[in-house]
Amino acid sequence: KVLSVEYLSALLGTSPMTIRRDLNFLGNHELLQRVHGGAGVKRSE
């Protein structure tokens, strides 16, 4: 439901900046909701 940049970075073996770019991409395509320091499940109406 909610994941932090640091957790994803460690889990996937990438830099935090790479994760932020991925989260921004996914957020821009409305696949998740960006939250401070990570991402959460997209809230639907």
PDB file of all heavy atoms in Angstrom:
ATOM      1  N   LYS A   1       0.804  -1.239   0.000  1.00  0.00           N
ATOM      2  CA  LYS A   1       0.000   0.000   0.000  1.00  0.00           C
ATOM      3  C   LYS A   1       0.832   1.282   0.000  1.00  0.00           C
ATOM      4  O   LYS A   1       0.481   2.233  -0.649  1.00  0.00           O
ATOM      5  CB  LYS A   1      -1.016   0.044   1.150  1.00  0.00           C
ATOM      6  CG  LYS A   1      -1.917  -1.152   1.238  1.00  0.00           C
ATOM      7  CD  LYS A   1      -2.757  -1.322  -0.001  1.00  0.00           C
ATOM      8  CE  LYS A   1      -3.677  -2.514   0.171  1.00  0.00           C
ATOM      9  NZ  LYS A   1      -4.082  -3.099  -1.060  1.00  0.00           N
ATOM     10  N   VAL A   2       1.934   1.336   0.751  1.00  0.00           N
ATOM     11  CA  VAL A   2       2.823   2.500   0.769  1.00  0.00           C
ATOM     12  C   VAL A   2       4.257   1.993   0.816  1.00  0.00           C
ATOM     13  O   VAL A   2       4.569   1.084   1.580  1.00  0.00           O
ATOM     14  CB  VAL A   2       2.565   3.411   1.988  1.00  0.00           C
ATOM     15  CG1 VAL A   2       3.555   4.565   2.021  1.00  0.00           C
ATOM     16  CG2 VAL A   2       1.144   3.933   1.990  1.00  0.00           C
ATOM     17  N   LEU A   3       5.115   2.586  -0.020  1.00  0.00           N
ATOM     18  CA  LEU A   3       6.519   2.191  -0.071  1.00  0.00           C
ATOM     19  C   LEU A   3       7.405   3.428  -0.064  1.00  0.00           C
ATOM     20  O   LEU A   3       7.079   4.426  -0.697  1.00  0.00           O
ATOM     21  CB  LEU A   3       6.803   1.388  -1.346  1.00  0.00           C
ATOM     22  CG  LEU A   3       6.082   0.051  -1.479  1.00  0.00           C
ATOM     23  CD1 LEU A   3       6.224  -0.477  -2.902  1.00  0.00           C
ATOM     24  CD2 LEU A   3       6.658  -0.943  -0.491  1.00  0.00           C
ATOM     25  N   SER A   4       8.523   3.338   0.631  1.00  0.00           N
ATOM     26  CA  SER A   4       9.448   4.465   0.666  1.00  0.00           C
ATOM     27  C   SER A   4      10.507   4.312  -0.430  1.00  0.00           C
ATOM     28  O   SER A   4      10.799   3.206  -0.888  1.00  0.00           O
ATOM     29  CB  SER A   4      10.143   4.551   2.027  1.00  0.00           C
ATOM     30  OG  SER A   4      11.063   3.494   2.175  1.00  0.00           O
ATOM     31  N   VAL A   5      11.078   5.440  -0.816  1.00  0.00           N
ATOM     32  CA  VAL A   5      12.149   5.444  -1.800  1.00  0.00           C
ATOM     33  C   VAL A   5      13.326   4.616  -1.287  1.00  0.00           C
ATOM     34  O   VAL A   5      13.900   3.817  -2.023  1.00  0.00           O
ATOM     35  CB  VAL A   5      12.588   6.893  -2.116  1.00  0.00           C
ATOM     36  CG1 VAL A   5      13.871   6.911  -2.942  1.00  0.00           C
ATOM     37  CG2 VAL A   5      11.475   7.642  -2.829  1.00  0.00           C
ATOM     38  N   GLU A   6      13.662   4.777  -0.022  1.00  0.00           N
ATOM     39  CA  GLU A   6      14.803   4.064   0.546  1.00  0.00           C
ATOM     40  C   GLU A   6      14.592   2.548   0.517  1.00  0.00           C
ATOM     41  O   GLU A   6      15.500   1.786   0.186  1.00  0.00           O
ATOM     42  CB  GLU A   6      15.080   4.524   1.986  1.00  0.00           C
ATOM     43  CG  GLU A   6      15.629   5.924   2.085  1.00  0.00           C
ATOM     44  CD  GLU A   6      14.565   6.999   1.876  1.00  0.00           C
ATOM     45  OE1 GLU A   6      13.361   6.713   2.064  1.00  0.00           O
ATOM     46  OE2 GLU A   6      14.931   8.126   1.509  1.00  0.00           O
ATOM     47  N   TYR A   7      13.389   2.106   0.871  1.00  0.00           N
ATOM     48  CA  TYR A   7      13.068   0.678   0.864  1.00  0.00           C
ATOM     49  C   TYR A   7      13.190   0.117  -0.550  1.00  0.00           C
ATOM     50  O   TYR A   7      13.824  -0.918  -0.771  1.00  0.00           O
ATOM     51  CB  TYR A   7      11.663   0.455   1.417  1.00  0.00           C
ATOM     52  CG  TYR A   7      11.195  -0.979   1.314  1.00  0.00           C
ATOM     53  CD1 TYR A   7      11.646  -1.945   2.202  1.00  0.00           C
ATOM     54  CD2 TYR A   7      10.308  -1.377   0.310  1.00  0.00           C
ATOM     55  CE1 TYR A   7      11.227  -3.268   2.108  1.00  0.00           C
ATOM     56  CE2 TYR A   7       9.881  -2.685   0.201  1.00  0.00           C
ATOM     57  CZ  TYR A   7      10.344  -3.624   1.101  1.00  0.00           C
ATOM     58  OH  TYR A   7       9.936  -4.938   0.994  1.00  0.00           O
ATOM     59  N   LEU A   8      12.589   0.806  -1.523  1.00  0.00           N
ATOM     60  CA  LEU A   8      12.635   0.338  -2.902  1.00  0.00           C
ATOM     61  C   LEU A   8      14.060   0.339  -3.444  1.00  0.00           C
ATOM     62  O   LEU A   8      14.463  -0.575  -4.162  1.00  0.00           O
ATOM     63  CB  LEU A   8      11.732   1.208  -3.785  1.00  0.00           C
ATOM     64  CG  LEU A   8      10.235   1.020  -3.587  1.00  0.00           C
ATOM     65  CD1 LEU A   8       9.466   2.099  -4.309  1.00  0.00           C
ATOM     66  CD2 LEU A   8       9.811  -0.365  -4.069  1.00  0.00           C
ATOM     67  N   SER A   9      14.824   1.355  -3.091  1.00  0.00           N
ATOM     68  CA  SER A   9      16.202   1.454  -3.540  1.00  0.00           C
ATOM     69  C   SER A   9      17.023   0.263  -3.047  1.00  0.00           C
ATOM     70  O   SER A   9      17.758  -0.367  -3.814  1.00  0.00           O
ATOM     71  CB  SER A   9      16.814   2.765  -3.039  1.00  0.00           C
ATOM     72  OG  SER A   9      18.164   2.842  -3.381  1.00  0.00           O
ATOM     73  N   ALA A  10      16.886  -0.067  -1.774  1.00  0.00           N
ATOM     74  CA  ALA A  10      17.624  -1.198  -1.204  1.00  0.00           C
ATOM     75  C   ALA A  10      17.142  -2.526  -1.792  1.00  0.00           C
ATOM     76  O   ALA A  10      17.945  -3.400  -2.125  1.00  0.00           O
ATOM     77  CB  ALA A  10      17.473  -1.208   0.312  1.00  0.00           C
ATOM     78  N   LEU A  11      15.839  -2.671  -1.925  1.00  0.00           N
ATOM     79  CA  LEU A  11      15.258  -3.914  -2.424  1.00  0.00           C
ATOM     80  C   LEU A  11      15.635  -4.179  -3.880  1.00  0.00           C
ATOM     81  O   LEU A  11      15.956  -5.305  -4.252  1.00  0.00           O
ATOM     82  CB  LEU A  11      13.734  -3.872  -2.274  1.00  0.00           C
ATOM     83  CG  LEU A  11      12.980  -5.121  -2.677  1.00  0.00           C
ATOM     84  CD1 LEU A  11      13.268  -6.238  -1.685  1.00  0.00           C
ATOM     85  CD2 LEU A  11      11.499  -4.847  -2.742  1.00  0.00           C
ATOM     86  N   LEU A  12      15.588  -3.130  -4.700  1.00  0.00           N
ATOM     87  CA  LEU A  12      15.820  -3.298  -6.126  1.00  0.00           C
ATOM     88  C   LEU A  12      17.272  -3.055  -6.537  1.00  0.00           C
ATOM     89  O   LEU A  12      17.620  -3.225  -7.712  1.00  0.00           O
ATOM     90  CB  LEU A  12      14.880  -2.371  -6.910  1.00  0.00           C
ATOM     91  CG  LEU A  12      13.391  -2.622  -6.667  1.00  0.00           C
ATOM     92  CD1 LEU A  12      12.544  -1.576  -7.373  1.00  0.00           C
ATOM     93  CD2 LEU A  12      12.998  -4.019  -7.118  1.00  0.00           C
ATOM     94  N   GLY A  13      18.102  -2.629  -5.590  1.00  0.00           N
ATOM     95  CA  GLY A  13      19.517  -2.440  -5.881  1.00  0.00           C
ATOM     96  C   GLY A  13      19.814  -1.289  -6.823  1.00  0.00           C
ATOM     97  O   GLY A  13      20.699  -1.388  -7.664  1.00  0.00           O
ATOM     98  N   THR A  14      19.052  -0.210  -6.697  1.00  0.00           N
ATOM     99  CA  THR A  14      19.269   0.969  -7.530  1.00  0.00           C
ATOM    100  C   THR A  14      19.428   2.191  -6.638  1.00  0.00           C
ATOM    101  O   THR A  14      19.177   2.134  -5.437  1.00  0.00           O
ATOM    102  CB  THR A  14      18.088   1.207  -8.491  1.00  0.00           C
ATOM    103  OG1 THR A  14      16.914   1.430  -7.718  1.00  0.00           O
ATOM    104  CG2 THR A  14      17.862   0.027  -9.411  1.00  0.00           C
ATOM    105  N   SER A  15      19.798   3.289  -7.233  1.00  0.00           N
ATOM    106  CA  SER A  15      19.958   4.513  -6.461  1.00  0.00           C
ATOM    107  C   SER A  15      18.592   5.110  -6.128  1.00  0.00           C
ATOM    108  O   SER A  15      17.610   4.876  -6.846  1.00  0.00           O
ATOM    109  CB  SER A  15      20.774   5.539  -7.252  1.00  0.00           C
ATOM    110  OG  SER A  15      20.004   6.057  -8.315  1.00  0.00           O
ATOM    111  N   PRO A  16      18.521   5.888  -5.058  1.00  0.00           N
ATOM    112  CA  PRO A  16      17.265   6.559  -4.725  1.00  0.00           C
ATOM    113  C   PRO A  16      16.772   7.468  -5.862  1.00  0.00           C
ATOM    114  O   PRO A  16      15.569   7.564  -6.100  1.00  0.00           O
ATOM    115  CB  PRO A  16      17.611   7.367  -3.475  1.00  0.00           C
ATOM    116  CG  PRO A  16      18.739   6.619  -2.848  1.00  0.00           C
ATOM    117  CD  PRO A  16      19.530   6.074  -3.995  1.00  0.00           C
ATOM    118  N   MET A  17      17.693   8.089  -6.584  1.00  0.00           N
ATOM    119  CA  MET A  17      17.278   8.963  -7.688  1.00  0.00           C
ATOM    120  C   MET A  17      16.599   8.168  -8.799  1.00  0.00           C
ATOM    121  O   MET A  17      15.618   8.621  -9.390  1.00  0.00           O
ATOM    122  CB  MET A  17      18.496   9.720  -8.234  1.00  0.00           C
ATOM    123  CG  MET A  17      18.144  10.845  -9.155  1.00  0.00           C
ATOM    124  SD  MET A  17      17.200  12.099  -8.283  1.00  0.00           S
ATOM    125  CE  MET A  17      15.899  12.409  -9.446  1.00  0.00           C
ATOM    126  N   THR A  18      17.086   6.968  -9.077  1.00  0.00           N
ATOM    127  CA  THR A  18      16.458   6.104 -10.081  1.00  0.00           C
ATOM    128  C   THR A  18      15.036   5.745  -9.646  1.00  0.00           C
ATOM    129  O   THR A  18      14.104   5.784 -10.457  1.00  0.00           O
ATOM    130  CB  THR A  18      17.289   4.822 -10.292  1.00  0.00           C
ATOM    131  OG1 THR A  18      18.576   5.196 -10.775  1.00  0.00           O
ATOM    132  CG2 THR A  18      16.627   3.872 -11.270  1.00  0.00           C
ATOM    133  N   ILE A  19      14.870   5.427  -8.387  1.00  0.00           N
ATOM    134  CA  ILE A  19      13.535   5.098  -7.868  1.00  0.00           C
ATOM    135  C   ILE A  19      12.624   6.316  -7.970  1.00  0.00           C
ATOM    136  O   ILE A  19      11.467   6.197  -8.372  1.00  0.00           O
ATOM    137  CB  ILE A  19      13.618   4.586  -6.411  1.00  0.00           C
ATOM    138  CG1 ILE A  19      14.416   3.272  -6.339  1.00  0.00           C
ATOM    139  CG2 ILE A  19      12.229   4.421  -5.807  1.00  0.00           C
ATOM    140  CD1 ILE A  19      13.811   2.117  -7.120  1.00  0.00           C
ATOM    141  N   ARG A  20      13.135   7.491  -7.617  1.00  0.00           N
ATOM    142  CA  ARG A  20      12.310   8.710  -7.720  1.00  0.00           C
ATOM    143  C   ARG A  20      11.857   8.942  -9.154  1.00  0.00           C
ATOM    144  O   ARG A  20      10.698   9.299  -9.390  1.00  0.00           O
ATOM    145  CB  ARG A  20      13.087   9.919  -7.212  1.00  0.00           C
ATOM    146  CG  ARG A  20      13.216   9.971  -5.720  1.00  0.00           C
ATOM    147  CD  ARG A  20      13.871  11.275  -5.259  1.00  0.00           C
ATOM    148  NE  ARG A  20      14.304  11.125  -3.893  1.00  0.00           N
ATOM    149  CZ  ARG A  20      15.531  10.765  -3.514  1.00  0.00           C
ATOM    150  NH1 ARG A  20      16.469  10.563  -4.418  1.00  0.00           N
ATOM    151  NH2 ARG A  20      15.826  10.631  -2.250  1.00  0.00           N
ATOM    152  N   ARG A  21      12.752   8.737 -10.107  1.00  0.00           N
ATOM    153  CA  ARG A  21      12.366   8.897 -11.519  1.00  0.00           C
ATOM    154  C   ARG A  21      11.291   7.885 -11.906  1.00  0.00           C
ATOM    155  O   ARG A  21      10.327   8.220 -12.600  1.00  0.00           O
ATOM    156  CB  ARG A  21      13.585   8.749 -12.428  1.00  0.00           C
ATOM    157  CG  ARG A  21      14.458   9.979 -12.477  1.00  0.00           C
ATOM    158  CD  ARG A  21      15.490   9.902 -13.598  1.00  0.00           C
ATOM    159  NE  ARG A  21      16.476   8.853 -13.373  1.00  0.00           N
ATOM    160  CZ  ARG A  21      17.640   9.043 -12.753  1.00  0.00           C
ATOM    161  NH1 ARG A  21      17.966  10.241 -12.299  1.00  0.00           N
ATOM    162  NH2 ARG A  21      18.471   8.045 -12.601  1.00  0.00           N
ATOM    163  N   ASP A  22      11.449   6.632 -11.438  1.00  0.00           N
ATOM    164  CA  ASP A  22      10.437   5.609 -11.721  1.00  0.00           C
ATOM    165  C   ASP A  22       9.092   5.990 -11.107  1.00  0.00           C
ATOM    166  O   ASP A  22       8.041   5.871 -11.749  1.00  0.00           O
ATOM    167  CB  ASP A  22      10.869   4.241 -11.185  1.00  0.00           C
ATOM    168  CG  ASP A  22      11.982   3.607 -12.000  1.00  0.00           C
ATOM    169  OD1 ASP A  22      12.186   4.002 -13.164  1.00  0.00           O
ATOM    170  OD2 ASP A  22      12.648   2.702 -11.461  1.00  0.00           O
ATOM    171  N   LEU A  23       9.114   6.443  -9.858  1.00  0.00           N
ATOM    172  CA  LEU A  23       7.873   6.809  -9.182  1.00  0.00           C
ATOM    173  C   LEU A  23       7.213   8.010  -9.863  1.00  0.00           C
ATOM    174  O   LEU A  23       5.987   8.055  -9.996  1.00  0.00           O
ATOM    175  CB  LEU A  23       8.132   7.109  -7.707  1.00  0.00           C
ATOM    176  CG  LEU A  23       8.624   5.926  -6.863  1.00  0.00           C
ATOM    177  CD1 LEU A  23       8.833   6.360  -5.416  1.00  0.00           C
ATOM    178  CD2 LEU A  23       7.692   4.739  -6.945  1.00  0.00           C
ATOM    179  N   ASN A  24       8.023   8.972 -10.302  1.00  0.00           N
ATOM    180  CA  ASN A  24       7.467  10.116 -11.014  1.00  0.00           C
ATOM    181  C   ASN A  24       6.823   9.680 -12.328  1.00  0.00           C
ATOM    182  O   ASN A  24       5.733  10.135 -12.675  1.00  0.00           O
ATOM    183  CB  ASN A  24       8.538  11.179 -11.269  1.00  0.00           C
ATOM    184  CG  ASN A  24       8.913  11.927 -10.018  1.00  0.00           C
ATOM    185  OD1 ASN A  24       8.134  12.015  -9.077  1.00  0.00           O
ATOM    186  ND2 ASN A  24      10.112  12.468  -9.997  1.00  0.00           N
ATOM    187  N   PHE A  25       7.487   8.784 -13.050  1.00  0.00           N
ATOM    188  CA  PHE A  25       6.946   8.266 -14.301  1.00  0.00           C
ATOM    189  C   PHE A  25       5.615   7.558 -14.053  1.00  0.00           C
ATOM    190  O   PHE A  25       4.620   7.817 -14.732  1.00  0.00           O
ATOM    191  CB  PHE A  25       7.945   7.302 -14.956  1.00  0.00           C
ATOM    192  CG  PHE A  25       7.421   6.638 -16.192  1.00  0.00           C
ATOM    193  CD1 PHE A  25       7.540   7.258 -17.426  1.00  0.00           C
ATOM    194  CD2 PHE A  25       6.793   5.401 -16.133  1.00  0.00           C
ATOM    195  CE1 PHE A  25       7.053   6.651 -18.571  1.00  0.00           C
ATOM    196  CE2 PHE A  25       6.297   4.786 -17.270  1.00  0.00           C
ATOM    197  CZ  PHE A  25       6.422   5.414 -18.496  1.00  0.00           C
ATOM    198  N   LEU A  26       5.601   6.660 -13.076  1.00  0.00           N
ATOM    199  CA  LEU A  26       4.385   5.907 -12.766  1.00  0.00           C
ATOM    200  C   LEU A  26       3.279   6.826 -12.248  1.00  0.00           C
ATOM    201  O   LEU A  26       2.100   6.627 -12.553  1.00  0.00           O
ATOM    202  CB  LEU A  26       4.696   4.803 -11.752  1.00  0.00           C
ATOM    203  CG  LEU A  26       5.627   3.699 -12.268  1.00  0.00           C
ATOM    204  CD1 LEU A  26       6.106   2.828 -11.115  1.00  0.00           C
ATOM    205  CD2 LEU A  26       4.946   2.870 -13.330  1.00  0.00           C
ATOM    206  N   GLY A  27       3.648   7.836 -11.477  1.00  0.00           N
ATOM    207  CA  GLY A  27       2.662   8.796 -10.991  1.00  0.00           C
ATOM    208  C   GLY A  27       2.075   9.625 -12.119  1.00  0.00           C
ATOM    209  O   GLY A  27       0.871   9.886 -12.152  1.00  0.00           O
ATOM    210  N   ASN A  28       2.918  10.040 -13.057  1.00  0.00           N
ATOM    211  CA  ASN A  28       2.441  10.816 -14.207  1.00  0.00           C
ATOM    212  C   ASN A  28       1.510  10.006 -15.094  1.00  0.00           C
ATOM    213  O   ASN A  28       0.657  10.556 -15.767  1.00  0.00           O
ATOM    214  CB  ASN A  28       3.615  11.342 -15.034  1.00  0.00           C
ATOM    215  CG  ASN A  28       4.371  12.437 -14.323  1.00  0.00           C
ATOM    216  OD1 ASN A  28       3.846  13.098 -13.429  1.00  0.00           O
ATOM    217  ND2 ASN A  28       5.622  12.626 -14.693  1.00  0.00           N
ATOM    218  N   HIS A  29       1.674   8.697 -15.088  1.00  0.00           N
ATOM    219  CA  HIS A  29       0.794   7.813 -15.851  1.00  0.00           C
ATOM    220  C   HIS A  29      -0.358   7.275 -14.988  1.00  0.00           C
ATOM    221  O   HIS A  29      -1.035   6.330 -15.373  1.00  0.00           O
ATOM    222  CB  HIS A  29       1.604   6.668 -16.462  1.00  0.00           C
ATOM    223  CG  HIS A  29       2.440   7.109 -17.617  1.00  0.00           C
ATOM    224  ND1 HIS A  29       3.690   7.661 -17.460  1.00  0.00           N
ATOM    225  CD2 HIS A  29       2.182   7.114 -18.946  1.00  0.00           C
ATOM    226  CE1 HIS A  29       4.176   7.973 -18.640  1.00  0.00           C
ATOM    227  NE2 HIS A  29       3.277   7.658 -19.561  1.00  0.00           N
ATOM    228  N   GLU A  30      -0.529   7.881 -13.823  1.00  0.00           N
ATOM    229  CA  GLU A  30      -1.632   7.578 -12.907  1.00  0.00           C
ATOM    230  C   GLU A  30      -1.691   6.117 -12.484  1.00  0.00           C
ATOM    231  O   GLU A  30      -2.765   5.546 -12.305  1.00  0.00           O
ATOM    232  CB  GLU A  30      -2.958   8.033 -13.506  1.00  0.00           C
ATOM    233  CG  GLU A  30      -2.988   9.533 -13.752  1.00  0.00           C
ATOM    234  CD  GLU A  30      -4.316  10.029 -14.281  1.00  0.00           C
ATOM    235  OE1 GLU A  30      -5.249   9.214 -14.452  1.00  0.00           O
ATOM    236  OE2 GLU A  30      -4.424  11.240 -14.510  1.00  0.00           O
ATOM    237  N   LEU A  31      -0.518   5.502 -12.305  1.00  0.00           N
ATOM    238  CA  LEU A  31      -0.459   4.116 -11.842  1.00  0.00           C
ATOM    239  C   LEU A  31      -0.231   4.031 -10.339  1.00  0.00           C
ATOM    240  O   LEU A  31      -0.372   2.968  -9.749  1.00  0.00           O
ATOM    241  CB  LEU A  31       0.643   3.366 -12.594  1.00  0.00           C
ATOM    242  CG  LEU A  31       0.422   3.278 -14.105  1.00  0.00           C
ATOM    243  CD1 LEU A  31       1.662   2.725 -14.794  1.00  0.00           C
ATOM    244  CD2 LEU A  31      -0.794   2.416 -14.406  1.00  0.00           C
ATOM    245  N   LEU A  32       0.152   5.151  -9.738  1.00  0.00           N
ATOM    246  CA  LEU A  32       0.335   5.230  -8.298  1.00  0.00           C
ATOM    247  C   LEU A  32       0.207   6.681  -7.881  1.00  0.00           C
ATOM    248  O   LEU A  32       0.121   7.566  -8.719  1.00  0.00           O
ATOM    249  CB  LEU A  32       1.693   4.646  -7.862  1.00  0.00           C
ATOM    250  CG  LEU A  32       2.977   5.202  -8.490  1.00  0.00           C
ATOM    251  CD1 LEU A  32       3.384   6.542  -7.919  1.00  0.00           C
ATOM    252  CD2 LEU A  32       4.095   4.200  -8.282  1.00  0.00           C
ATOM    253  N   GLN A  33       0.188   6.886  -6.582  1.00  0.00           N
ATOM    254  CA  GLN A  33       0.109   8.242  -6.044  1.00  0.00           C
ATOM    255  C   GLN A  33       1.432   8.551  -5.356  1.00  0.00           C
ATOM    256  O   GLN A  33       1.882   7.806  -4.490  1.00  0.00           O
ATOM    257  CB  GLN A  33      -1.036   8.353  -5.037  1.00  0.00           C
ATOM    258  CG  GLN A  33      -1.183   9.744  -4.471  1.00  0.00           C
ATOM    259  CD  GLN A  33      -2.379   9.834  -3.525  1.00  0.00           C
ATOM    260  OE1 GLN A  33      -3.099   8.868  -3.332  1.00  0.00           O
ATOM    261  NE2 GLN A  33      -2.557  10.997  -2.950  1.00  0.00           N
ATOM    262  N   ARG A  34       2.062   9.624  -5.769  1.00  0.00           N
ATOM    263  CA  ARG A  34       3.307  10.043  -5.129  1.00  0.00           C
ATOM    264  C   ARG A  34       2.994  10.658  -3.779  1.00  0.00           C
ATOM    265  O   ARG A  34       2.066  11.443  -3.639  1.00  0.00           O
ATOM    266  CB  ARG A  34       4.046  11.082  -5.984  1.00  0.00           C
ATOM    267  CG  ARG A  34       4.738  10.506  -7.171  1.00  0.00           C
ATOM    268  CD  ARG A  34       5.958   9.684  -6.806  1.00  0.00           C
ATOM    269  NE  ARG A  34       7.134  10.526  -6.706  1.00  0.00           N
ATOM    270  CZ  ARG A  34       8.013  10.470  -5.722  1.00  0.00           C
ATOM    271  NH1 ARG A  34       7.869   9.612  -4.738  1.00  0.00           N
ATOM    272  NH2 ARG A  34       9.065  11.243  -5.705  1.00  0.00           N
ATOM    273  N   VAL A  35       3.755  10.260  -2.779  1.00  0.00           N
ATOM    274  CA  VAL A  35       3.650  10.843  -1.446  1.00  0.00           C
ATOM    275  C   VAL A  35       5.057  11.246  -1.025  1.00  0.00           C
ATOM    276  O   VAL A  35       6.042  10.813  -1.622  1.00  0.00           O
ATOM    277  CB  VAL A  35       3.033   9.855  -0.425  1.00  0.00           C
ATOM    278  CG1 VAL A  35       1.609   9.504  -0.798  1.00  0.00           C
ATOM    279  CG2 VAL A  35       3.873   8.597  -0.292  1.00  0.00           C
ATOM    280  N   HIS A  36       5.150  12.071  -0.017  1.00  0.00           N
ATOM    281  CA  HIS A  36       6.454  12.533   0.440  1.00  0.00           C
ATOM    282  C   HIS A  36       7.336  11.348   0.815  1.00  0.00           C
ATOM    283  O   HIS A  36       6.985  10.559   1.683  1.00  0.00           O
ATOM    284  CB  HIS A  36       6.281  13.473   1.639  1.00  0.00           C
ATOM    285  CG  HIS A  36       7.567  14.058   2.115  1.00  0.00           C
ATOM    286  ND1 HIS A  36       8.209  15.043   1.420  1.00  0.00           N
ATOM    287  CD2 HIS A  36       8.330  13.775   3.182  1.00  0.00           C
ATOM    288  CE1 HIS A  36       9.320  15.355   2.053  1.00  0.00           C
ATOM    289  NE2 HIS A  36       9.411  14.597   3.130  1.00  0.00           N
ATOM    290  N   GLY A  37       8.460  11.200   0.114  1.00  0.00           N
ATOM    291  CA  GLY A  37       9.403  10.135   0.430  1.00  0.00           C
ATOM    292  C   GLY A  37       9.095   8.784  -0.173  1.00  0.00           C
ATOM    293  O   GLY A  37       9.761   7.806   0.143  1.00  0.00           O
ATOM    294  N   GLY A  38       8.093   8.704  -1.038  1.00  0.00           N
ATOM    295  CA  GLY A  38       7.773   7.402  -1.617  1.00  0.00           C
ATOM    296  C   GLY A  38       6.537   7.435  -2.492  1.00  0.00           C
ATOM    297  O   GLY A  38       6.283   8.402  -3.196  1.00  0.00           O
ATOM    298  N   ALA A  39       5.768   6.365  -2.402  1.00  0.00           N
ATOM    299  CA  ALA A  39       4.569   6.225  -3.221  1.00  0.00           C
ATOM    300  C   ALA A  39       3.527   5.418  -2.478  1.00  0.00           C
ATOM    301  O   ALA A  39       3.850   4.624  -1.600  1.00  0.00           O
ATOM    302  CB  ALA A  39       4.896   5.538  -4.542  1.00  0.00           C
ATOM    303  N   GLY A  40       2.281   5.636  -2.866  1.00  0.00           N
ATOM    304  CA  GLY A  40       1.172   4.891  -2.290  1.00  0.00           C
ATOM    305  C   GLY A  40       0.231   4.423  -3.374  1.00  0.00           C
ATOM    306  O   GLY A  40       0.347   4.823  -4.532  1.00  0.00           O
ATOM    307  N   VAL A  41      -0.679   3.586  -2.994  1.00  0.00           N
ATOM    308  CA  VAL A  41      -1.687   3.085  -3.923  1.00  0.00           C
ATOM    309  C   VAL A  41      -2.522   4.260  -4.401  1.00  0.00           C
ATOM    310  O   VAL A  41      -2.888   5.137  -3.623  1.00  0.00           O
ATOM    311  CB  VAL A  41      -2.580   2.032  -3.228  1.00  0.00           C
ATOM    312  CG1 VAL A  41      -3.699   1.589  -4.144  1.00  0.00           C
ATOM    313  CG2 VAL A  41      -1.757   0.851  -2.778  1.00  0.00           C
ATOM    314  N   LYS A  42      -2.813   4.272  -5.672  1.00  0.00           N
ATOM    315  CA  LYS A  42      -3.621   5.338  -6.245  1.00  0.00           C
ATOM    316  C   LYS A  42      -5.039   5.265  -5.685  1.00  0.00           C
ATOM    317  O   LYS A  42      -5.672   4.225  -5.724  1.00  0.00           O
ATOM    318  CB  LYS A  42      -3.668   5.210  -7.761  1.00  0.00           C
ATOM    319  CG  LYS A  42      -4.400   6.326  -8.440  1.00  0.00           C
ATOM    320  CD  LYS A  42      -4.327   6.137  -9.950  1.00  0.00           C
ATOM    321  CE  LYS A  42      -5.088   7.198 -10.667  1.00  0.00           C
ATOM    322  NZ  LYS A  42      -6.521   7.123 -10.479  1.00  0.00           N
ATOM    323  N   ARG A  43      -5.481   6.374  -5.135  1.00  0.00           N
ATOM    324  CA  ARG A  43      -6.849   6.427  -4.604  1.00  0.00           C
ATOM    325  C   ARG A  43      -7.809   6.646  -5.744  1.00  0.00           C
ATOM    326  O   ARG A  43      -7.685   7.588  -6.504  1.00  0.00           O
ATOM    327  CB  ARG A  43      -7.001   7.588  -3.623  1.00  0.00           C
ATOM    328  CG  ARG A  43      -6.576   7.244  -2.232  1.00  0.00           C
ATOM    329  CD  ARG A  43      -6.917   8.358  -1.315  1.00  0.00           C
ATOM    330  NE  ARG A  43      -8.279   8.164  -0.840  1.00  0.00           N
ATOM    331  CZ  ARG A  43      -8.883   8.968   0.008  1.00  0.00           C
ATOM    332  NH1 ARG A  43      -8.254  10.020   0.453  1.00  0.00           N
ATOM    333  NH2 ARG A  43     -10.104   8.722   0.414  1.00  0.00           N
ATOM    334  N   SER A  44      -8.760   5.786  -5.849  1.00  0.00           N
ATOM    335  CA  SER A  44      -9.783   5.975  -6.865  1.00  0.00           C
ATOM    336  C   SER A  44     -11.001   6.593  -6.209  1.00  0.00           C
ATOM    337  O   SER A  44     -11.154   6.577  -4.990  1.00  0.00           O
ATOM    338  CB  SER A  44     -10.154   4.642  -7.517  1.00  0.00           C
ATOM    339  OG  SER A  44     -10.825   3.823  -6.588  1.00  0.00           O
ATOM    340  N   GLU A  45     -11.842   7.129  -7.013  1.00  0.00           N
ATOM    341  CA  GLU A  45     -13.053   7.735  -6.466  1.00  0.00           C
ATOM    342  C   GLU A  45     -13.932   6.700  -5.785  1.00  0.00           C
ATOM    343  O   GLU A  45     -14.689   7.010  -4.885  1.00  0.00           O
ATOM    344  CB  GLU A  45     -13.815   8.446  -7.578  1.00  0.00           C
ATOM    345  CG  GLU A  45     -13.081   9.685  -8.072  1.00  0.00           C
ATOM    346  CD  GLU A  45     -13.844  10.401  -9.161  1.00  0.00           C
ATOM    347  OE1 GLU A  45     -15.066  10.187  -9.268  1.00  0.00           O
ATOM    348  OE2 GLU A  45     -13.215  11.160  -9.884  1.00  0.00           O
TER     349      GLU A  45
END
